Every structure is written in structure tokens, then in C-alpha cells.
Amino acid sequence: MGMNPADFWSMSWRDFQLKQRGFFELKQTEIRTQWEAARMIAFWSVKAMTGRKWPHKFKDLGAFGWE
């Protein structure tokens, strides 16, 4: 989380929980962005090979649980 021990020990429990939640939300957003980029690459690769018939949207290759 990018904290040194002095920062950690000077925080209240509430401040730590907020920092932890923000850290994990940031990581989750980074992972989702990477998966969506991989799906976009796959979409254009499949689209180039199959022509204009299929797929029509990115989600045609598969939808993620967060969508």
C-alpha cells in the first residue's frame, strides 16, 4: 500500500480501513482494465479473420461479471 511503518502506526483504525479499501479498489480497477484490453485485442483479431458478420460488440466474445 506504499506506507512506511511510521505512517502505519500513526493512523487510526478508520483511516487504515479507508486506505485499504482505496488500495484494493485501485488494484481491482487495474485488473479489470487489463482484462478489457485483452478482450478488445481478441475482438479485433477475430473480427479481422471472420469479416463483418461476427462479432458485432466486444461483449459478443464474453461478458465479465462486473458488467
C-alpha atoms as a PDB file:
ATOM      1  CA  MET A   1       0.000   0.000   0.000  1.00  0.00           C
ATOM      2  CA  GLY A   2       3.025   2.240  -0.155  1.00  0.00           C
ATOM      3  CA  MET A   3       3.213   3.001   3.556  1.00  0.00           C
ATOM      4  CA  ASN A   4       6.209   3.058   5.815  1.00  0.00           C
ATOM      5  CA  PRO A   5       5.858   1.755   9.381  1.00  0.00           C
ATOM      6  CA  ALA A   6       5.690   5.248  10.872  1.00  0.00           C
ATOM      7  CA  ASP A   7       2.716   6.131   8.655  1.00  0.00           C
ATOM      8  CA  PHE A   8       1.014   2.869   9.544  1.00  0.00           C
ATOM      9  CA  TRP A   9       1.388   3.251  13.291  1.00  0.00           C
ATOM     10  CA  SER A  10       0.258   6.878  13.260  1.00  0.00           C
ATOM     11  CA  MET A  11      -3.066   6.035  11.550  1.00  0.00           C
ATOM     12  CA  SER A  12      -6.341   5.425  13.278  1.00  0.00           C
ATOM     13  CA  TRP A  13      -8.174   2.167  12.575  1.00  0.00           C
ATOM     14  CA  ARG A  14     -10.742   4.053  10.451  1.00  0.00           C
ATOM     15  CA  ASP A  15      -8.033   5.755   8.385  1.00  0.00           C
ATOM     16  CA  PHE A  16      -6.360   2.406   7.775  1.00  0.00           C
ATOM     17  CA  GLN A  17      -9.625   0.833   6.632  1.00  0.00           C
ATOM     18  CA  LEU A  18     -10.249   3.692   4.201  1.00  0.00           C
ATOM     19  CA  LYS A  19      -6.715   3.454   2.811  1.00  0.00           C
ATOM     20  CA  GLN A  20      -7.002  -0.314   2.467  1.00  0.00           C
ATOM     21  CA  ARG A  21     -10.346  -0.060   0.674  1.00  0.00           C
ATOM     22  CA  GLY A  22      -8.972   2.535  -1.733  1.00  0.00           C
ATOM     23  CA  PHE A  23      -5.889   0.420  -2.407  1.00  0.00           C
ATOM     24  CA  PHE A  24      -7.906  -2.694  -3.246  1.00  0.00           C
ATOM     25  CA  GLU A  25     -10.367  -0.751  -5.401  1.00  0.00           C
ATOM     26  CA  LEU A  26      -7.432   0.673  -7.365  1.00  0.00           C
ATOM     27  CA  LYS A  27      -5.951  -2.792  -7.883  1.00  0.00           C
ATOM     28  CA  GLN A  28      -9.328  -4.166  -8.948  1.00  0.00           C
ATOM     29  CA  THR A  29      -9.739  -1.352 -11.468  1.00  0.00           C
ATOM     30  CA  GLU A  30      -6.268  -2.039 -12.885  1.00  0.00           C
ATOM     31  CA  ILE A  31      -7.044  -5.741 -13.314  1.00  0.00           C
ATOM     32  CA  ARG A  32     -10.398  -5.036 -14.956  1.00  0.00           C
ATOM     33  CA  THR A  33      -8.765  -2.593 -17.360  1.00  0.00           C
ATOM     34  CA  GLN A  34      -6.201  -5.206 -18.360  1.00  0.00           C
ATOM     35  CA  TRP A  35      -8.905  -7.826 -18.992  1.00  0.00           C
ATOM     36  CA  GLU A  36     -10.949  -5.390 -21.040  1.00  0.00           C
ATOM     37  CA  ALA A  37      -7.891  -4.521 -23.127  1.00  0.00           C
ATOM     38  CA  ALA A  38      -7.250  -8.226 -23.747  1.00  0.00           C
ATOM     39  CA  ARG A  39     -10.869  -8.669 -24.837  1.00  0.00           C
ATOM     40  CA  MET A  40     -10.572  -5.710 -27.189  1.00  0.00           C
ATOM     41  CA  ILE A  41      -7.457  -7.190 -28.782  1.00  0.00           C
ATOM     42  CA  ALA A  42      -9.209 -10.539 -29.149  1.00  0.00           C
ATOM     43  CA  PHE A  43     -12.267  -8.816 -30.657  1.00  0.00           C
ATOM     44  CA  TRP A  44     -10.281  -7.080 -33.370  1.00  0.00           C
ATOM     45  CA  SER A  45      -8.271 -10.227 -34.076  1.00  0.00           C
ATOM     46  CA  VAL A  46     -11.416 -12.319 -34.518  1.00  0.00           C
ATOM     47  CA  LYS A  47     -13.125  -9.538 -36.460  1.00  0.00           C
ATOM     48  CA  ALA A  48     -10.203  -9.370 -38.910  1.00  0.00           C
ATOM     49  CA  MET A  49     -10.368 -13.120 -39.552  1.00  0.00           C
ATOM     50  CA  THR A  50     -14.140 -13.599 -39.750  1.00  0.00           C
ATOM     51  CA  GLY A  51     -15.121 -10.491 -41.659  1.00  0.00           C
ATOM     52  CA  ARG A  52     -18.039  -8.279 -40.825  1.00  0.00           C
ATOM     53  CA  LYS A  53     -20.520 -10.988 -39.777  1.00  0.00           C
ATOM     54  CA  TRP A  54     -19.395 -11.709 -36.236  1.00  0.00           C
ATOM     55  CA  PRO A  55     -18.696 -10.347 -33.582  1.00  0.00           C
ATOM     56  CA  HIS A  56     -20.711  -7.138 -33.514  1.00  0.00           C
ATOM     57  CA  LYS A  57     -19.786  -5.940 -30.000  1.00  0.00           C
ATOM     58  CA  PHE A  58     -16.967  -6.580 -27.555  1.00  0.00           C
ATOM     59  CA  LYS A  59     -19.403  -8.417 -25.272  1.00  0.00           C
ATOM     60  CA  ASP A  60     -20.121 -10.948 -28.015  1.00  0.00           C
ATOM     61  CA  LEU A  61     -16.801 -12.595 -27.133  1.00  0.00           C
ATOM     62  CA  GLY A  62     -17.781 -12.814 -23.483  1.00  0.00           C
ATOM     63  CA  ALA A  63     -19.131 -10.650 -20.736  1.00  0.00           C
ATOM     64  CA  PHE A  64     -17.361 -10.126 -17.454  1.00  0.00           C
ATOM     65  CA  GLY A  65     -19.065 -10.441 -14.090  1.00  0.00           C
ATOM     66  CA  TRP A  66     -18.719  -6.736 -13.360  1.00  0.00           C
ATOM     67  CA  GLU A  67     -20.616  -5.675 -16.477  1.00  0.00           C
END
